[in-house]
Amino acid sequence: MNRGLRTLLAVAMLAFAVPAWAAVSAAHDQTYVNLFGGNTFFSGASGLAHHDGNAVLGLRFGRRLSAHLGVEAQVAAAFAHLQDAAPNADANQYSGALLGNVYAFASPNTPYVSLGLGASSNRFNQDLGRGTSLMGVLGLGYQYSLGDHFGLRLDVQDQLLFNTPTPGAANLNNVQVTGGVSYFWGGSKKSAFPVIGPSHP
């Protein structure tokens, strides 16, 4: 008897919770800028010895096109000296990519998946100097709203650099873990369910 009552109570709570969750305002048509920082980690298989990772700073500019789809441009500078720099030579990594985001929920607070393509400029070898490699990006993230205009964001991206002149492999995995602050403007929010007013005779 008690077990059946607990099951009925759980089903009733779920029945009330699902419409309440679904009725959360859906974010769409928002433009945003995201300032982020964190760390970058290059694959140990690259043969880059101790020059394998360091801090990264960057900026994203994007738009949430609909409740579940968005697009953004990302630029970043990682202070990872893959090789000892020659005098007066810049050895940092610079990258840029165009990303598409797929949001799990329609609300402003949601996890998402990122997929994109870009380029990465690196100085892998003193003799070769700085070179640019094609870069594919696969990422996971979470966006948390602090109000109508501000939010927090956490991202983990696997950036695959193709055809790099590294000692160990032609392709190089570069994992970036970052957090940042977003500023939103424009756009609108709408209820996931239409609000129906009272009927008039």
N, C-alpha and C. Protein backbone atom coordinates (compact mmCIF):
# COMPACT_ATOMS: atom_id res chain seq x y z
N MET A 1 0.82 -1.20 0.00
CA MET A 1 0.00 0.00 0.00
C MET A 1 0.86 1.26 0.00
N ASN A 2 1.84 1.28 0.92
CA ASN A 2 2.73 2.44 0.97
C ASN A 2 3.53 2.60 -0.31
N ARG A 3 3.96 1.47 -0.88
CA ARG A 3 4.72 1.53 -2.12
C ARG A 3 3.87 2.10 -3.26
N GLY A 4 2.63 1.66 -3.34
CA GLY A 4 1.73 2.16 -4.37
C GLY A 4 1.46 3.65 -4.19
N LEU A 5 1.34 4.11 -2.94
CA LEU A 5 1.10 5.52 -2.67
C LEU A 5 2.31 6.36 -3.07
N ARG A 6 3.51 5.84 -2.78
CA ARG A 6 4.73 6.57 -3.17
C ARG A 6 4.85 6.67 -4.67
N THR A 7 4.49 5.58 -5.37
CA THR A 7 4.54 5.59 -6.84
C THR A 7 3.55 6.59 -7.41
N LEU A 8 2.34 6.62 -6.85
CA LEU A 8 1.32 7.56 -7.31
C LEU A 8 1.75 9.00 -7.06
N LEU A 9 2.37 9.24 -5.89
CA LEU A 9 2.84 10.58 -5.56
C LEU A 9 3.95 11.02 -6.51
N ALA A 10 4.87 10.10 -6.84
CA ALA A 10 5.96 10.41 -7.76
C ALA A 10 5.43 10.74 -9.15
N VAL A 11 4.44 9.97 -9.62
CA VAL A 11 3.86 10.22 -10.94
C VAL A 11 3.15 11.57 -10.96
N ALA A 12 2.45 11.90 -9.86
CA ALA A 12 1.75 13.18 -9.79
C ALA A 12 2.73 14.34 -9.81
N MET A 13 3.84 14.22 -9.07
CA MET A 13 4.85 15.27 -9.05
C MET A 13 5.46 15.45 -10.43
N LEU A 14 5.70 14.35 -11.12
CA LEU A 14 6.26 14.43 -12.47
C LEU A 14 5.26 15.10 -13.42
N ALA A 15 4.00 14.80 -13.26
CA ALA A 15 2.98 15.39 -14.12
C ALA A 15 2.91 16.90 -13.96
N PHE A 16 3.14 17.38 -12.72
CA PHE A 16 3.15 18.82 -12.49
C PHE A 16 4.47 19.46 -12.88
N ALA A 17 5.56 18.70 -12.74
CA ALA A 17 6.90 19.26 -12.98
C ALA A 17 7.18 19.45 -14.46
N VAL A 18 6.72 18.52 -15.31
CA VAL A 18 7.03 18.60 -16.74
C VAL A 18 6.45 19.85 -17.38
N PRO A 19 5.14 20.18 -17.18
CA PRO A 19 4.64 21.42 -17.76
C PRO A 19 5.33 22.65 -17.20
N ALA A 20 5.68 22.65 -15.91
CA ALA A 20 6.36 23.80 -15.31
C ALA A 20 7.73 23.99 -15.93
N TRP A 21 8.45 22.89 -16.18
CA TRP A 21 9.78 23.00 -16.81
C TRP A 21 9.64 23.45 -18.25
N ALA A 22 8.65 22.90 -18.96
CA ALA A 22 8.49 23.23 -20.38
C ALA A 22 8.03 24.66 -20.59
N ALA A 23 7.38 25.26 -19.54
CA ALA A 23 6.85 26.60 -19.69
C ALA A 23 7.90 27.69 -19.50
N VAL A 24 9.15 27.29 -19.19
CA VAL A 24 10.21 28.27 -19.05
C VAL A 24 10.40 29.01 -20.37
N SER A 25 10.66 30.31 -20.30
CA SER A 25 10.80 31.11 -21.51
C SER A 25 11.91 30.58 -22.40
N ALA A 26 11.65 30.53 -23.69
CA ALA A 26 12.64 30.06 -24.66
C ALA A 26 13.42 31.24 -25.20
N ALA A 27 14.75 31.12 -25.19
CA ALA A 27 15.61 32.19 -25.70
C ALA A 27 15.82 32.01 -27.20
N HIS A 28 15.75 33.11 -27.95
CA HIS A 28 16.01 33.04 -29.39
C HIS A 28 16.30 34.44 -29.91
N ASP A 29 16.91 34.49 -31.08
CA ASP A 29 17.23 35.75 -31.76
C ASP A 29 18.10 36.69 -30.91
N GLN A 30 18.94 36.12 -30.04
CA GLN A 30 19.83 36.93 -29.21
C GLN A 30 21.21 37.02 -29.83
N THR A 31 21.80 38.21 -29.79
CA THR A 31 23.20 38.40 -30.17
C THR A 31 24.01 38.53 -28.89
N TYR A 32 25.24 38.03 -28.90
CA TYR A 32 26.03 38.04 -27.67
C TYR A 32 27.52 38.13 -27.98
N VAL A 33 28.26 38.57 -26.97
CA VAL A 33 29.71 38.54 -26.99
C VAL A 33 30.15 37.83 -25.72
N ASN A 34 31.16 36.96 -25.84
CA ASN A 34 31.63 36.15 -24.71
C ASN A 34 33.14 36.31 -24.58
N LEU A 35 33.57 36.81 -23.43
CA LEU A 35 34.99 36.93 -23.11
C LEU A 35 35.38 35.74 -22.26
N PHE A 36 36.40 34.97 -22.68
CA PHE A 36 36.73 33.75 -21.96
C PHE A 36 38.23 33.60 -21.73
N GLY A 37 38.55 32.77 -20.76
CA GLY A 37 39.93 32.44 -20.44
C GLY A 37 40.00 31.06 -19.84
N GLY A 38 41.19 30.47 -19.84
CA GLY A 38 41.33 29.13 -19.30
C GLY A 38 42.71 28.57 -19.60
N ASN A 39 42.74 27.29 -19.99
CA ASN A 39 44.00 26.63 -20.27
C ASN A 39 43.88 25.76 -21.50
N THR A 40 45.00 25.59 -22.18
CA THR A 40 45.05 24.73 -23.36
C THR A 40 46.04 23.60 -23.10
N PHE A 41 45.70 22.41 -23.55
CA PHE A 41 46.52 21.23 -23.31
C PHE A 41 46.76 20.53 -24.64
N PHE A 42 48.01 20.44 -25.05
CA PHE A 42 48.35 19.74 -26.28
C PHE A 42 48.61 18.26 -25.99
N SER A 43 48.29 17.43 -26.96
CA SER A 43 48.45 15.98 -26.81
C SER A 43 49.89 15.62 -26.50
N GLY A 44 50.07 14.70 -25.54
CA GLY A 44 51.41 14.23 -25.20
C GLY A 44 52.06 13.46 -26.34
N ALA A 45 51.26 12.98 -27.31
CA ALA A 45 51.80 12.24 -28.44
C ALA A 45 52.48 13.16 -29.46
N SER A 46 52.42 14.45 -29.22
CA SER A 46 53.00 15.38 -30.19
C SER A 46 54.51 15.43 -30.14
N GLY A 47 55.10 14.96 -29.05
CA GLY A 47 56.56 15.03 -28.90
C GLY A 47 57.05 16.43 -28.63
N LEU A 48 56.20 17.26 -28.02
CA LEU A 48 56.56 18.66 -27.79
C LEU A 48 57.20 18.89 -26.42
N ALA A 49 57.58 17.79 -25.76
CA ALA A 49 58.26 17.86 -24.47
C ALA A 49 57.44 18.67 -23.47
N HIS A 50 58.09 19.57 -22.73
CA HIS A 50 57.38 20.30 -21.69
C HIS A 50 56.65 21.52 -22.24
N HIS A 51 56.81 21.81 -23.52
CA HIS A 51 56.11 22.94 -24.13
C HIS A 51 54.74 22.47 -24.60
N ASP A 52 53.88 22.07 -23.66
CA ASP A 52 52.66 21.39 -24.07
C ASP A 52 51.38 22.07 -23.62
N GLY A 53 51.41 23.22 -23.03
CA GLY A 53 50.18 23.86 -22.64
C GLY A 53 50.40 25.10 -21.81
N ASN A 54 49.41 25.97 -21.80
CA ASN A 54 49.49 27.19 -21.02
C ASN A 54 48.15 27.91 -21.07
N ALA A 55 48.11 29.10 -20.51
CA ALA A 55 46.87 29.87 -20.46
C ALA A 55 46.40 30.28 -21.85
N VAL A 56 45.08 30.48 -21.97
CA VAL A 56 44.47 30.92 -23.23
C VAL A 56 43.45 32.00 -22.93
N LEU A 57 43.37 33.01 -23.80
CA LEU A 57 42.38 34.08 -23.71
C LEU A 57 41.71 34.23 -25.07
N GLY A 58 40.43 34.57 -25.06
CA GLY A 58 39.75 34.70 -26.35
C GLY A 58 38.43 35.42 -26.26
N LEU A 59 37.80 35.54 -27.43
CA LEU A 59 36.54 36.27 -27.57
C LEU A 59 35.66 35.53 -28.56
N ARG A 60 34.37 35.46 -28.24
CA ARG A 60 33.38 34.89 -29.14
C ARG A 60 32.29 35.92 -29.43
N PHE A 61 31.85 35.92 -30.66
CA PHE A 61 30.74 36.80 -31.06
C PHE A 61 29.73 35.92 -31.79
N GLY A 62 28.51 35.88 -31.30
CA GLY A 62 27.56 34.95 -31.90
C GLY A 62 26.12 35.38 -31.81
N ARG A 63 25.26 34.49 -32.31
CA ARG A 63 23.82 34.75 -32.33
C ARG A 63 23.09 33.44 -32.13
N ARG A 64 22.12 33.46 -31.24
CA ARG A 64 21.25 32.30 -31.05
C ARG A 64 20.08 32.44 -32.02
N LEU A 65 20.14 31.70 -33.09
CA LEU A 65 19.20 31.87 -34.19
C LEU A 65 17.80 31.40 -33.83
N SER A 66 17.71 30.35 -33.04
CA SER A 66 16.42 29.81 -32.62
C SER A 66 16.60 29.20 -31.23
N ALA A 67 15.56 28.54 -30.74
CA ALA A 67 15.64 27.97 -29.40
C ALA A 67 16.75 26.94 -29.28
N HIS A 68 17.07 26.24 -30.37
CA HIS A 68 18.02 25.13 -30.29
C HIS A 68 19.24 25.27 -31.20
N LEU A 69 19.34 26.32 -32.00
CA LEU A 69 20.45 26.47 -32.93
C LEU A 69 21.10 27.85 -32.79
N GLY A 70 22.44 27.88 -32.94
CA GLY A 70 23.16 29.14 -32.90
C GLY A 70 24.44 29.06 -33.71
N VAL A 71 25.04 30.22 -33.99
CA VAL A 71 26.28 30.28 -34.74
C VAL A 71 27.16 31.34 -34.09
N GLU A 72 28.49 31.12 -34.10
CA GLU A 72 29.40 32.08 -33.49
C GLU A 72 30.78 32.01 -34.12
N ALA A 73 31.49 33.14 -34.04
CA ALA A 73 32.89 33.22 -34.46
C ALA A 73 33.74 33.30 -33.20
N GLN A 74 34.86 32.60 -33.21
CA GLN A 74 35.73 32.52 -32.04
C GLN A 74 37.17 32.82 -32.42
N VAL A 75 37.84 33.68 -31.65
CA VAL A 75 39.27 33.92 -31.82
C VAL A 75 39.94 33.75 -30.46
N ALA A 76 41.17 33.24 -30.46
CA ALA A 76 41.85 32.98 -29.19
C ALA A 76 43.36 33.05 -29.36
N ALA A 77 44.02 33.37 -28.27
CA ALA A 77 45.48 33.35 -28.21
C ALA A 77 45.89 32.49 -27.04
N ALA A 78 46.68 31.46 -27.30
CA ALA A 78 47.19 30.57 -26.25
C ALA A 78 48.68 30.83 -26.08
N PHE A 79 49.09 31.04 -24.84
CA PHE A 79 50.49 31.37 -24.56
C PHE A 79 51.29 30.09 -24.34
N ALA A 80 51.18 29.20 -25.31
CA ALA A 80 51.84 27.90 -25.25
C ALA A 80 53.02 27.91 -26.21
N HIS A 81 54.21 27.93 -25.68
CA HIS A 81 55.41 27.93 -26.52
C HIS A 81 55.75 26.49 -26.89
N LEU A 82 55.34 26.10 -28.08
CA LEU A 82 55.55 24.73 -28.50
C LEU A 82 57.02 24.42 -28.74
N GLN A 83 57.76 25.42 -29.11
CA GLN A 83 59.22 25.31 -29.23
C GLN A 83 59.82 26.56 -28.62
N ASP A 84 61.07 26.50 -28.21
CA ASP A 84 61.73 27.69 -27.68
C ASP A 84 61.79 28.74 -28.78
N ALA A 85 61.30 29.92 -28.47
CA ALA A 85 61.26 30.97 -29.48
C ALA A 85 62.63 31.57 -29.72
N ALA A 86 62.89 31.91 -30.97
CA ALA A 86 64.12 32.63 -31.30
C ALA A 86 64.03 34.04 -30.71
N PRO A 87 65.13 34.72 -30.56
CA PRO A 87 65.08 36.08 -30.02
C PRO A 87 64.12 36.96 -30.82
N ASN A 88 63.27 37.65 -30.07
CA ASN A 88 62.28 38.57 -30.66
C ASN A 88 61.24 37.86 -31.54
N ALA A 89 61.09 36.54 -31.38
CA ALA A 89 60.11 35.79 -32.18
C ALA A 89 58.93 35.39 -31.30
N ASP A 90 57.72 35.60 -31.80
CA ASP A 90 56.51 35.27 -31.08
C ASP A 90 56.20 33.79 -31.26
N ALA A 91 56.07 33.04 -30.15
CA ALA A 91 55.83 31.60 -30.25
C ALA A 91 54.43 31.20 -29.81
N ASN A 92 53.56 32.15 -29.53
CA ASN A 92 52.23 31.81 -29.07
C ASN A 92 51.38 31.20 -30.18
N GLN A 93 50.29 30.53 -29.77
CA GLN A 93 49.34 29.96 -30.72
C GLN A 93 48.17 30.92 -30.91
N TYR A 94 47.78 31.16 -32.15
CA TYR A 94 46.62 31.99 -32.46
C TYR A 94 45.65 31.16 -33.30
N SER A 95 44.37 31.25 -32.97
CA SER A 95 43.38 30.44 -33.68
C SER A 95 42.09 31.21 -33.89
N GLY A 96 41.37 30.79 -34.90
CA GLY A 96 40.06 31.35 -35.20
C GLY A 96 39.18 30.27 -35.79
N ALA A 97 37.89 30.30 -35.47
CA ALA A 97 36.98 29.27 -35.98
C ALA A 97 35.57 29.81 -36.07
N LEU A 98 34.79 29.19 -36.95
CA LEU A 98 33.36 29.44 -37.07
C LEU A 98 32.65 28.21 -36.54
N LEU A 99 31.77 28.41 -35.53
CA LEU A 99 31.15 27.30 -34.84
C LEU A 99 29.64 27.33 -34.97
N GLY A 100 29.06 26.15 -34.99
CA GLY A 100 27.61 26.00 -34.87
C GLY A 100 27.30 25.35 -33.53
N ASN A 101 26.32 25.88 -32.81
CA ASN A 101 25.93 25.35 -31.50
C ASN A 101 24.55 24.73 -31.57
N VAL A 102 24.40 23.57 -30.95
CA VAL A 102 23.09 22.92 -30.82
C VAL A 102 22.76 22.87 -29.33
N TYR A 103 21.73 23.63 -28.92
CA TYR A 103 21.35 23.74 -27.51
C TYR A 103 20.36 22.63 -27.13
N ALA A 104 20.59 22.00 -26.00
CA ALA A 104 19.73 20.89 -25.57
C ALA A 104 18.35 21.38 -25.17
N PHE A 105 18.29 22.54 -24.48
CA PHE A 105 17.01 23.07 -24.01
C PHE A 105 16.75 24.41 -24.66
N ALA A 106 15.48 24.79 -24.70
CA ALA A 106 15.11 26.08 -25.28
C ALA A 106 15.38 27.24 -24.32
N SER A 107 15.57 26.97 -23.06
CA SER A 107 15.74 28.01 -22.05
C SER A 107 17.14 28.62 -22.13
N PRO A 108 17.36 29.77 -21.45
CA PRO A 108 18.70 30.38 -21.44
C PRO A 108 19.73 29.53 -20.71
N ASN A 109 19.30 28.67 -19.77
CA ASN A 109 20.21 27.79 -19.05
C ASN A 109 20.19 26.42 -19.71
N THR A 110 21.28 26.08 -20.39
CA THR A 110 21.26 24.84 -21.18
C THR A 110 22.66 24.33 -21.52
N PRO A 111 22.85 23.03 -21.55
CA PRO A 111 24.05 22.47 -22.16
C PRO A 111 23.94 22.53 -23.67
N TYR A 112 25.08 22.42 -24.36
CA TYR A 112 25.07 22.47 -25.82
C TYR A 112 26.29 21.75 -26.38
N VAL A 113 26.22 21.46 -27.66
CA VAL A 113 27.32 20.84 -28.41
C VAL A 113 27.76 21.83 -29.48
N SER A 114 29.09 21.97 -29.63
CA SER A 114 29.65 22.86 -30.65
C SER A 114 30.41 22.05 -31.69
N LEU A 115 30.28 22.47 -32.94
CA LEU A 115 30.99 21.83 -34.05
C LEU A 115 31.42 22.92 -35.02
N GLY A 116 32.71 22.92 -35.41
CA GLY A 116 33.16 24.00 -36.27
C GLY A 116 34.45 23.70 -37.00
N LEU A 117 34.87 24.69 -37.77
CA LEU A 117 36.06 24.59 -38.60
C LEU A 117 36.79 25.92 -38.56
N GLY A 118 38.11 25.87 -38.54
CA GLY A 118 38.88 27.11 -38.49
C GLY A 118 40.33 26.87 -38.84
N ALA A 119 41.20 27.72 -38.31
CA ALA A 119 42.63 27.64 -38.59
C ALA A 119 43.41 27.98 -37.33
N SER A 120 44.60 27.41 -37.21
CA SER A 120 45.47 27.65 -36.06
C SER A 120 46.87 27.98 -36.55
N SER A 121 47.40 29.10 -36.03
CA SER A 121 48.74 29.54 -36.40
C SER A 121 49.70 29.23 -35.25
N ASN A 122 50.75 28.46 -35.56
CA ASN A 122 51.67 27.98 -34.52
C ASN A 122 53.12 28.07 -35.00
N ARG A 123 54.01 28.13 -34.02
CA ARG A 123 55.44 28.06 -34.31
C ARG A 123 55.96 26.75 -33.72
N PHE A 124 55.99 25.71 -34.55
CA PHE A 124 56.38 24.38 -34.10
C PHE A 124 57.88 24.15 -34.17
N ASN A 125 58.55 24.84 -35.05
CA ASN A 125 59.95 24.54 -35.33
C ASN A 125 60.70 25.82 -35.68
N GLN A 126 61.89 25.97 -35.15
CA GLN A 126 62.66 27.18 -35.42
C GLN A 126 62.95 27.34 -36.91
N ASP A 127 63.26 26.25 -37.57
CA ASP A 127 63.62 26.33 -38.99
C ASP A 127 62.42 26.61 -39.88
N LEU A 128 61.29 26.00 -39.55
CA LEU A 128 60.09 26.19 -40.36
C LEU A 128 59.40 27.50 -40.07
N GLY A 129 59.60 28.04 -38.88
CA GLY A 129 58.93 29.29 -38.52
C GLY A 129 57.46 29.05 -38.24
N ARG A 130 56.68 30.12 -38.35
CA ARG A 130 55.25 30.03 -38.06
C ARG A 130 54.48 29.47 -39.24
N GLY A 131 53.57 28.55 -38.95
CA GLY A 131 52.75 27.95 -39.99
C GLY A 131 51.30 27.90 -39.56
N THR A 132 50.39 27.82 -40.53
CA THR A 132 48.96 27.78 -40.26
C THR A 132 48.39 26.43 -40.66
N SER A 133 47.61 25.84 -39.76
CA SER A 133 47.02 24.52 -39.98
C SER A 133 45.50 24.60 -39.96
N LEU A 134 44.86 23.77 -40.77
CA LEU A 134 43.41 23.64 -40.72
C LEU A 134 43.02 23.04 -39.38
N MET A 135 41.93 23.51 -38.78
CA MET A 135 41.55 23.08 -37.44
C MET A 135 40.06 22.72 -37.39
N GLY A 136 39.77 21.51 -36.93
CA GLY A 136 38.40 21.10 -36.67
C GLY A 136 38.11 21.20 -35.18
N VAL A 137 36.89 21.58 -34.82
CA VAL A 137 36.53 21.80 -33.42
C VAL A 137 35.29 20.99 -33.05
N LEU A 138 35.39 20.25 -31.94
CA LEU A 138 34.25 19.56 -31.35
C LEU A 138 34.22 19.92 -29.87
N GLY A 139 33.11 20.46 -29.40
CA GLY A 139 33.08 20.92 -28.02
C GLY A 139 31.78 20.64 -27.30
N LEU A 140 31.87 20.71 -25.96
CA LEU A 140 30.72 20.62 -25.09
C LEU A 140 30.73 21.85 -24.18
N GLY A 141 29.55 22.36 -23.84
CA GLY A 141 29.52 23.53 -22.98
C GLY A 141 28.24 23.63 -22.21
N TYR A 142 28.24 24.61 -21.28
CA TYR A 142 27.02 24.91 -20.52
C TYR A 142 26.90 26.41 -20.36
N GLN A 143 25.71 26.92 -20.61
CA GLN A 143 25.42 28.35 -20.52
C GLN A 143 24.43 28.58 -19.37
N TYR A 144 24.75 29.56 -18.50
CA TYR A 144 23.90 29.87 -17.35
C TYR A 144 23.58 31.35 -17.36
N SER A 145 22.30 31.67 -17.31
CA SER A 145 21.86 33.06 -17.38
C SER A 145 21.88 33.72 -16.01
N LEU A 146 22.40 34.96 -15.96
CA LEU A 146 22.37 35.78 -14.75
C LEU A 146 21.33 36.88 -14.85
N GLY A 147 20.51 36.85 -15.86
CA GLY A 147 19.52 37.89 -16.09
C GLY A 147 19.28 38.06 -17.58
N ASP A 148 18.69 39.19 -17.96
CA ASP A 148 18.38 39.43 -19.36
C ASP A 148 19.62 39.70 -20.21
N HIS A 149 20.70 40.19 -19.60
CA HIS A 149 21.85 40.62 -20.40
C HIS A 149 23.17 39.93 -20.07
N PHE A 150 23.28 39.28 -18.92
CA PHE A 150 24.57 38.68 -18.54
C PHE A 150 24.40 37.19 -18.29
N GLY A 151 25.50 36.46 -18.53
CA GLY A 151 25.49 35.02 -18.29
C GLY A 151 26.89 34.49 -18.10
N LEU A 152 26.98 33.28 -17.59
CA LEU A 152 28.25 32.57 -17.42
C LEU A 152 28.28 31.40 -18.39
N ARG A 153 29.50 31.00 -18.75
CA ARG A 153 29.63 29.95 -19.76
C ARG A 153 30.88 29.12 -19.49
N LEU A 154 30.76 27.81 -19.65
CA LEU A 154 31.87 26.88 -19.50
C LEU A 154 31.97 26.05 -20.77
N ASP A 155 33.19 25.93 -21.33
CA ASP A 155 33.40 25.19 -22.57
C ASP A 155 34.59 24.25 -22.46
N VAL A 156 34.46 23.08 -23.07
CA VAL A 156 35.58 22.16 -23.27
C VAL A 156 35.60 21.83 -24.75
N GLN A 157 36.69 22.19 -25.42
CA GLN A 157 36.80 21.97 -26.87
C GLN A 157 38.00 21.08 -27.20
N ASP A 158 37.76 20.14 -28.08
CA ASP A 158 38.85 19.36 -28.67
C ASP A 158 39.13 19.96 -30.04
N GLN A 159 40.28 20.59 -30.18
CA GLN A 159 40.66 21.22 -31.44
C GLN A 159 41.69 20.33 -32.12
N LEU A 160 41.31 19.78 -33.27
CA LEU A 160 42.19 18.89 -34.01
C LEU A 160 42.89 19.68 -35.11
N LEU A 161 44.22 19.80 -34.98
CA LEU A 161 45.02 20.52 -35.97
C LEU A 161 45.55 19.52 -36.98
N PHE A 162 45.25 19.76 -38.26
CA PHE A 162 45.62 18.82 -39.31
C PHE A 162 46.96 19.18 -39.94
N ASN A 163 47.74 18.14 -40.29
CA ASN A 163 48.98 18.28 -41.05
C ASN A 163 49.96 19.27 -40.41
N THR A 164 50.18 19.12 -39.12
CA THR A 164 51.14 19.98 -38.43
C THR A 164 52.53 19.35 -38.45
N PRO A 165 53.57 20.16 -38.53
CA PRO A 165 54.94 19.62 -38.56
C PRO A 165 55.46 19.29 -37.17
N THR A 166 54.72 18.48 -36.41
CA THR A 166 55.14 18.09 -35.07
C THR A 166 56.04 16.87 -35.13
N PRO A 167 56.89 16.68 -34.11
CA PRO A 167 57.80 15.53 -34.13
C PRO A 167 57.10 14.19 -34.10
N GLY A 168 55.91 14.11 -33.43
CA GLY A 168 55.31 12.81 -33.22
C GLY A 168 54.20 12.43 -34.17
N ALA A 169 53.47 13.39 -34.71
CA ALA A 169 52.30 13.05 -35.52
C ALA A 169 51.94 14.20 -36.45
N ALA A 170 51.26 13.85 -37.56
CA ALA A 170 50.85 14.87 -38.51
C ALA A 170 49.66 15.68 -37.98
N ASN A 171 48.76 15.00 -37.26
CA ASN A 171 47.59 15.68 -36.69
C ASN A 171 47.78 15.80 -35.18
N LEU A 172 47.32 16.90 -34.61
CA LEU A 172 47.60 17.20 -33.21
C LEU A 172 46.32 17.61 -32.48
N ASN A 173 46.02 16.92 -31.38
CA ASN A 173 44.89 17.28 -30.55
C ASN A 173 45.28 18.36 -29.56
N ASN A 174 44.43 19.39 -29.49
CA ASN A 174 44.63 20.49 -28.57
C ASN A 174 43.32 20.68 -27.81
N VAL A 175 43.31 20.38 -26.52
CA VAL A 175 42.09 20.50 -25.71
C VAL A 175 42.13 21.82 -24.95
N GLN A 176 41.07 22.62 -25.09
CA GLN A 176 40.96 23.88 -24.37
C GLN A 176 39.79 23.81 -23.40
N VAL A 177 40.08 24.16 -22.15
CA VAL A 177 39.06 24.23 -21.09
C VAL A 177 38.95 25.68 -20.67
N THR A 178 37.79 26.29 -20.89
CA THR A 178 37.64 27.73 -20.65
C THR A 178 36.34 28.05 -19.94
N GLY A 179 36.34 29.19 -19.28
CA GLY A 179 35.13 29.75 -18.68
C GLY A 179 35.09 31.23 -18.99
N GLY A 180 33.89 31.81 -19.02
CA GLY A 180 33.82 33.22 -19.37
C GLY A 180 32.49 33.85 -19.03
N VAL A 181 32.41 35.14 -19.33
CA VAL A 181 31.22 35.96 -19.09
C VAL A 181 30.64 36.40 -20.43
N SER A 182 29.33 36.30 -20.56
CA SER A 182 28.65 36.69 -21.80
C SER A 182 27.75 37.90 -21.56
N TYR A 183 27.64 38.72 -22.60
CA TYR A 183 26.70 39.84 -22.58
C TYR A 183 25.76 39.67 -23.77
N PHE A 184 24.45 39.68 -23.50
CA PHE A 184 23.43 39.46 -24.52
C PHE A 184 22.67 40.76 -24.80
N TRP A 185 22.23 40.92 -26.04
CA TRP A 185 21.33 42.03 -26.35
C TRP A 185 20.42 41.63 -27.51
N GLY A 186 19.33 42.39 -27.63
CA GLY A 186 18.36 42.09 -28.68
C GLY A 186 17.62 40.80 -28.38
N GLY A 187 16.98 40.28 -29.40
CA GLY A 187 16.28 39.02 -29.27
C GLY A 187 15.01 39.13 -28.46
N SER A 188 14.43 38.00 -28.15
CA SER A 188 13.20 37.96 -27.38
C SER A 188 13.08 36.61 -26.71
N LYS A 189 12.13 36.53 -25.80
CA LYS A 189 11.83 35.27 -25.14
C LYS A 189 10.35 34.99 -25.30
N LYS A 190 10.03 33.74 -25.49
CA LYS A 190 8.63 33.39 -25.65
C LYS A 190 8.33 32.13 -24.85
N SER A 191 7.11 31.95 -24.45
CA SER A 191 6.72 30.78 -23.68
C SER A 191 6.71 29.57 -24.58
N ALA A 192 7.16 28.43 -24.03
CA ALA A 192 7.15 27.20 -24.82
C ALA A 192 5.74 26.73 -25.11
N PHE A 193 4.76 27.16 -24.27
CA PHE A 193 3.37 26.82 -24.51
C PHE A 193 2.58 28.11 -24.69
N PRO A 194 1.67 28.18 -25.64
CA PRO A 194 0.87 29.41 -25.81
C PRO A 194 -0.03 29.63 -24.61
N VAL A 195 -0.20 30.91 -24.27
CA VAL A 195 -1.10 31.27 -23.18
C VAL A 195 -2.46 31.60 -23.78
N ILE A 196 -3.47 30.87 -23.38
CA ILE A 196 -4.81 31.03 -23.94
C ILE A 196 -5.66 31.80 -22.94
N GLY A 197 -6.17 32.92 -23.37
CA GLY A 197 -7.00 33.75 -22.50
C GLY A 197 -8.41 33.21 -22.39
N PRO A 198 -9.19 33.78 -21.49
CA PRO A 198 -10.58 33.32 -21.34
C PRO A 198 -11.41 33.67 -22.57
N SER A 199 -12.29 32.77 -22.89
CA SER A 199 -13.15 32.97 -24.06
C SER A 199 -14.28 33.94 -23.72
N HIS A 200 -14.70 34.69 -24.71
CA HIS A 200 -15.79 35.63 -24.52
C HIS A 200 -16.96 35.21 -25.40
N PRO A 201 -18.17 35.28 -24.88
CA PRO A 201 -19.35 34.89 -25.68
C PRO A 201 -19.60 35.86 -26.81
